[in-house]
Amino acid sequence: MTAPTDYRAIIRRLLAIWDTETNRTTVELRTDIDFQVTVLVRGLTAHAADCARGVLTLYDASQPVAAVPVIRSLMEDAVTAGWVLVVPDGWKAVVSEGSRTRAAVLRDAMAANASWADAASEARRQEYAEQVKALGAAPPSYKVFEQRLRALEGTDDMYMVYRYLSGLSHASSETVDLYTAPDPGSPLQVRYRRQASHSMAANLLVSAASSLLHALIAWDMTQVGRPHQAELDAIASELGVTNEWRAKASS
């Protein structure tokens, strides 16, 4: 009988690989990739690793419901890193959308006379607005997460998982249901659960491991010779997932 896969152990193995990366003083990067891509992929992978540590902490504390939004962020990090890596000029969409959002926040803050909004805020807002103008507005293929998934190979089953994660990441009745149970004998017709859980907890741990793996693959693909390819390929084989980011061929 085959022993069940220990996904927490896989996440720890992946984090050990990332820790090796962060301890390196020099990294030989590919010159055929825009430096902006490398910077974005590295930042997204770093955030994915931090999210993965958070997931382990919450699961070890028997808090899989609280881990759901963190797993959602981890998945977004991985997919966006892969998207930026293989979509031509995709980095422009990421930077442009970030600048647009910052400019909008500063504009609204100044309109509301926020205490921290000053002349420097207006200068920053103008800088962000100019950056959006120079780069162009982010296309729907970046803004809509489903479209990012559709642009990539090996992501066919991810959107349904993402929708489930999204449903439990907000203040919704679906979330409330996890903390209550029917009780006809109670005046409120419900009883409160001491600790919430959900049926997808084990499967979402699989998603967390796969997403961290794919974030690390994206970072590895920005480097000359892919220094961690053998280790990452082995883990991809264990998880039964793709071991490389590729753009989906146009139909």
Protein backbone atom coordinates (compact mmCIF):
# COMPACT_ATOMS: atom_id res chain seq x y z
CA MET A 1 0.00 0.00 0.00
CA THR A 2 1.41 3.38 -1.04
CA ALA A 3 1.80 5.93 1.75
CA PRO A 4 -0.13 9.19 1.26
CA THR A 5 1.88 12.13 0.00
CA ASP A 6 2.98 14.51 2.74
CA TYR A 7 2.27 17.87 1.11
CA ARG A 8 3.49 19.84 4.11
CA ALA A 9 6.84 18.11 3.74
CA ILE A 10 6.90 19.02 0.04
CA ILE A 11 6.22 22.67 0.88
CA ARG A 12 9.10 22.58 3.36
CA ARG A 13 11.40 21.10 0.70
CA LEU A 14 10.44 23.88 -1.68
CA LEU A 15 11.01 26.51 0.99
CA ALA A 16 14.46 25.05 1.60
CA ILE A 17 15.23 25.57 -2.09
CA TRP A 18 14.05 29.17 -1.84
CA ASP A 19 16.13 29.75 1.28
CA THR A 20 19.15 28.55 -0.70
CA GLU A 21 18.31 31.15 -3.33
CA THR A 22 17.99 34.00 -0.85
CA ASN A 23 21.36 33.11 0.65
CA ARG A 24 23.17 33.45 -2.69
CA THR A 25 25.18 36.63 -3.14
CA THR A 26 25.19 36.51 -6.96
CA VAL A 27 22.73 35.14 -9.50
CA GLU A 28 23.49 34.62 -13.19
CA LEU A 29 20.38 35.84 -15.01
CA ARG A 30 19.32 35.25 -18.58
CA THR A 31 19.97 38.25 -20.80
CA ASP A 32 17.21 37.39 -23.27
CA ILE A 33 14.58 38.29 -20.66
CA ASP A 34 13.74 41.90 -19.87
CA PHE A 35 15.12 42.88 -16.46
CA GLN A 36 11.64 44.04 -15.44
CA VAL A 37 10.40 40.47 -15.89
CA THR A 38 13.15 39.13 -13.65
CA VAL A 39 12.40 41.70 -10.94
CA LEU A 40 8.67 40.94 -11.01
CA VAL A 41 9.13 37.17 -10.99
CA ARG A 42 11.58 37.38 -8.11
CA GLY A 43 9.21 39.54 -6.04
CA LEU A 44 6.21 37.33 -6.76
CA THR A 45 8.18 34.22 -5.83
CA ALA A 46 9.35 35.81 -2.59
CA HIS A 47 5.74 36.61 -1.69
CA ALA A 48 4.67 33.09 -2.65
CA ALA A 49 7.28 31.67 -0.28
CA ASP A 50 6.09 33.89 2.57
CA CYS A 51 2.49 32.85 1.88
CA ALA A 52 3.51 29.20 1.92
CA ARG A 53 5.11 29.64 5.34
CA GLY A 54 1.85 31.22 6.50
CA VAL A 55 -0.14 28.28 5.14
CA LEU A 56 2.03 25.81 7.06
CA THR A 57 1.62 27.82 10.25
CA LEU A 58 -2.17 27.94 9.90
CA TYR A 59 -2.52 24.26 9.00
CA ASP A 60 -0.27 23.26 11.88
CA ALA A 61 -2.61 25.27 14.12
CA SER A 62 -5.65 23.44 12.64
CA GLN A 63 -6.88 26.62 10.93
CA PRO A 64 -7.42 25.59 7.29
CA VAL A 65 -10.25 28.11 6.79
CA ALA A 66 -8.04 31.05 7.73
CA ALA A 67 -5.43 29.68 5.30
CA VAL A 68 -7.78 29.93 2.30
CA PRO A 69 -7.09 33.60 1.40
CA VAL A 70 -3.36 32.95 1.82
CA ILE A 71 -3.52 30.00 -0.59
CA ARG A 72 -5.46 32.20 -3.01
CA SER A 73 -2.67 34.81 -2.90
CA LEU A 74 -0.09 32.06 -3.36
CA MET A 75 -1.88 30.83 -6.49
CA GLU A 76 -2.11 34.37 -7.88
CA ASP A 77 1.62 34.87 -7.29
CA ALA A 78 2.53 31.68 -9.16
CA VAL A 79 0.21 32.22 -12.11
CA THR A 80 1.19 35.87 -12.51
CA ALA A 81 4.89 34.98 -12.36
CA GLY A 82 4.37 32.40 -15.10
CA TRP A 83 2.24 34.81 -17.15
CA VAL A 84 4.82 37.59 -16.97
CA LEU A 85 7.55 35.14 -17.92
CA VAL A 86 5.98 33.79 -21.12
CA VAL A 87 3.64 36.55 -22.36
CA PRO A 88 5.54 39.10 -24.48
CA ASP A 89 5.62 42.50 -22.74
CA GLY A 90 3.43 41.09 -19.98
CA TRP A 91 5.53 42.98 -17.44
CA LYS A 92 4.15 46.24 -18.84
CA ALA A 93 0.62 45.21 -17.86
CA VAL A 94 1.69 44.42 -14.29
CA VAL A 95 3.58 47.66 -13.80
CA SER A 96 0.93 49.74 -15.54
CA GLU A 97 -1.93 48.32 -13.47
CA GLY A 98 0.05 48.84 -10.28
CA SER A 99 0.70 52.47 -11.19
CA ARG A 100 -2.95 53.02 -12.17
CA THR A 101 -4.11 51.68 -8.81
CA ARG A 102 -1.65 53.83 -6.85
CA ALA A 103 -2.61 56.92 -8.82
CA ALA A 104 -6.30 56.27 -8.12
CA VAL A 105 -5.68 55.86 -4.39
CA LEU A 106 -3.74 59.12 -4.23
CA ARG A 107 -6.39 60.95 -6.26
CA ASP A 108 -9.18 59.74 -3.97
CA ALA A 109 -7.15 60.55 -0.85
CA MET A 110 -6.59 64.10 -1.97
CA ALA A 111 -10.26 64.50 -2.94
CA ALA A 112 -11.21 63.33 0.56
CA ASN A 113 -8.63 65.60 2.19
CA ALA A 114 -6.91 62.67 3.86
CA SER A 115 -4.54 63.80 6.61
CA TRP A 116 -1.51 62.25 4.91
CA ALA A 117 -2.20 63.59 1.41
CA ASP A 118 0.02 66.57 0.56
CA ALA A 119 1.81 68.24 -2.35
CA ALA A 120 4.21 65.30 -2.55
CA SER A 121 1.22 63.00 -2.99
CA GLU A 122 0.11 64.94 -6.06
CA ALA A 123 3.61 64.70 -7.51
CA ARG A 124 3.62 60.92 -7.01
CA ARG A 125 0.14 60.66 -8.53
CA GLN A 126 1.34 62.47 -11.63
CA GLU A 127 4.36 60.17 -11.88
CA TYR A 128 2.15 57.09 -11.71
CA ALA A 129 -0.26 58.55 -14.27
CA GLU A 130 2.63 59.27 -16.65
CA GLN A 131 3.88 55.71 -16.22
CA VAL A 132 0.47 54.34 -17.18
CA LYS A 133 0.43 56.61 -20.22
CA ALA A 134 3.90 55.46 -21.27
CA LEU A 135 3.23 51.74 -20.81
CA GLY A 136 -0.40 51.65 -21.91
CA ALA A 137 -3.35 50.36 -19.92
CA ALA A 138 -3.23 46.75 -18.78
CA PRO A 139 -5.27 44.53 -21.14
CA PRO A 140 -8.15 42.32 -19.93
CA SER A 141 -5.85 39.33 -20.40
CA TYR A 142 -3.97 40.55 -17.32
CA LYS A 143 -6.75 42.14 -15.27
CA VAL A 144 -8.99 39.07 -15.33
CA PHE A 145 -7.35 36.14 -13.52
CA GLU A 146 -9.24 33.60 -15.62
CA GLN A 147 -7.72 35.12 -18.76
CA ARG A 148 -4.23 34.79 -17.31
CA LEU A 149 -4.92 31.12 -16.71
CA ARG A 150 -6.23 30.61 -20.23
CA ALA A 151 -3.01 32.00 -21.66
CA LEU A 152 -0.93 29.31 -19.97
CA GLU A 153 -0.53 25.58 -20.48
CA GLY A 154 -1.18 23.21 -17.58
CA THR A 155 -3.74 25.40 -15.79
CA ASP A 156 -7.00 23.90 -17.05
CA ASP A 157 -8.26 22.79 -13.62
CA MET A 158 -7.08 25.78 -11.63
CA TYR A 159 -9.92 28.22 -12.20
CA MET A 160 -12.53 26.15 -10.38
CA VAL A 161 -10.17 25.90 -7.41
CA TYR A 162 -9.58 29.65 -7.58
CA ARG A 163 -13.32 30.32 -7.55
CA TYR A 164 -13.69 28.14 -4.46
CA LEU A 165 -10.84 29.99 -2.78
CA SER A 166 -12.42 33.32 -3.68
CA GLY A 167 -15.77 32.26 -2.24
CA LEU A 168 -14.18 31.61 1.16
CA SER A 169 -11.90 34.65 1.09
CA HIS A 170 -14.67 37.20 1.60
CA ALA A 171 -17.21 38.11 4.28
CA SER A 172 -19.92 35.93 2.78
CA SER A 173 -22.69 33.61 3.91
CA GLU A 174 -20.57 30.75 2.58
CA THR A 175 -17.91 31.61 5.13
CA VAL A 176 -20.48 31.99 7.92
CA ASP A 177 -21.85 28.52 7.13
CA LEU A 178 -18.50 27.01 8.10
CA TYR A 179 -18.95 28.33 11.62
CA THR A 180 -22.54 27.15 12.14
CA ALA A 181 -24.56 23.95 11.85
CA PRO A 182 -28.34 23.30 11.72
CA ASP A 183 -29.95 22.80 15.14
CA PRO A 184 -33.78 22.67 15.09
CA GLY A 185 -33.84 22.65 18.90
CA SER A 186 -32.15 26.05 19.17
CA PRO A 187 -34.12 29.32 19.15
CA LEU A 188 -31.84 30.47 16.30
CA GLN A 189 -32.16 27.10 14.52
CA VAL A 190 -28.37 26.83 14.44
CA ARG A 191 -25.50 26.02 16.73
CA TYR A 192 -22.07 27.55 16.61
CA ARG A 193 -19.01 25.49 15.76
CA ARG A 194 -16.05 25.92 18.09
CA GLN A 195 -13.64 25.46 15.18
CA ALA A 196 -14.38 25.73 11.47
CA SER A 197 -13.23 23.34 8.79
CA HIS A 198 -14.00 22.68 5.16
CA SER A 199 -14.09 19.57 3.00
CA MET A 200 -11.42 20.85 0.59
CA ALA A 201 -8.73 21.42 3.22
CA ALA A 202 -6.53 18.52 2.12
CA ASN A 203 -6.94 19.32 -1.58
CA LEU A 204 -6.06 22.96 -1.03
CA LEU A 205 -2.83 21.93 0.62
CA VAL A 206 -2.04 20.20 -2.69
CA SER A 207 -2.78 23.48 -4.49
CA ALA A 208 -0.51 25.38 -2.10
CA ALA A 209 2.37 22.99 -2.78
CA SER A 210 1.83 23.09 -6.55
CA SER A 211 1.59 26.88 -6.61
CA LEU A 212 4.80 27.32 -4.62
CA LEU A 213 6.51 24.86 -6.95
CA HIS A 214 5.37 26.80 -10.01
CA ALA A 215 6.50 30.11 -8.54
CA LEU A 216 9.96 28.62 -7.95
CA ILE A 217 9.97 27.20 -11.48
CA ALA A 218 9.30 30.70 -12.84
CA TRP A 219 12.23 32.11 -10.87
CA ASP A 220 14.46 29.21 -11.88
CA MET A 221 13.59 29.83 -15.55
CA THR A 222 14.96 33.39 -15.31
CA GLN A 223 18.43 32.05 -14.49
CA VAL A 224 21.16 30.72 -16.75
CA GLY A 225 21.27 26.93 -16.71
CA ARG A 226 18.27 26.60 -14.37
CA PRO A 227 20.27 25.68 -11.23
CA HIS A 228 17.38 23.94 -9.44
CA GLN A 229 15.74 22.24 -12.40
CA ALA A 230 16.54 18.68 -11.32
CA GLU A 231 15.04 19.20 -7.85
CA LEU A 232 12.00 21.04 -9.16
CA ASP A 233 11.41 18.49 -11.93
CA ALA A 234 11.45 15.70 -9.35
CA ILE A 235 8.86 17.45 -7.18
CA ALA A 236 6.71 18.22 -10.24
CA SER A 237 6.76 14.51 -11.03
CA GLU A 238 5.68 13.70 -7.46
CA LEU A 239 2.79 16.14 -7.69
CA GLY A 240 1.84 15.15 -11.23
CA VAL A 241 2.02 18.73 -12.55
CA THR A 242 3.84 20.49 -15.37
CA ASN A 243 7.49 21.32 -14.79
CA GLU A 244 7.77 24.37 -17.02
CA TRP A 245 5.82 27.51 -17.85
CA ARG A 246 4.65 27.68 -21.46
CA ALA A 247 2.23 29.94 -23.26
CA LYS A 248 -0.80 28.15 -24.65
CA ALA A 249 -0.72 27.86 -28.42
CA SER A 250 -3.26 30.03 -30.21
CA SER A 251 -6.17 28.06 -31.61
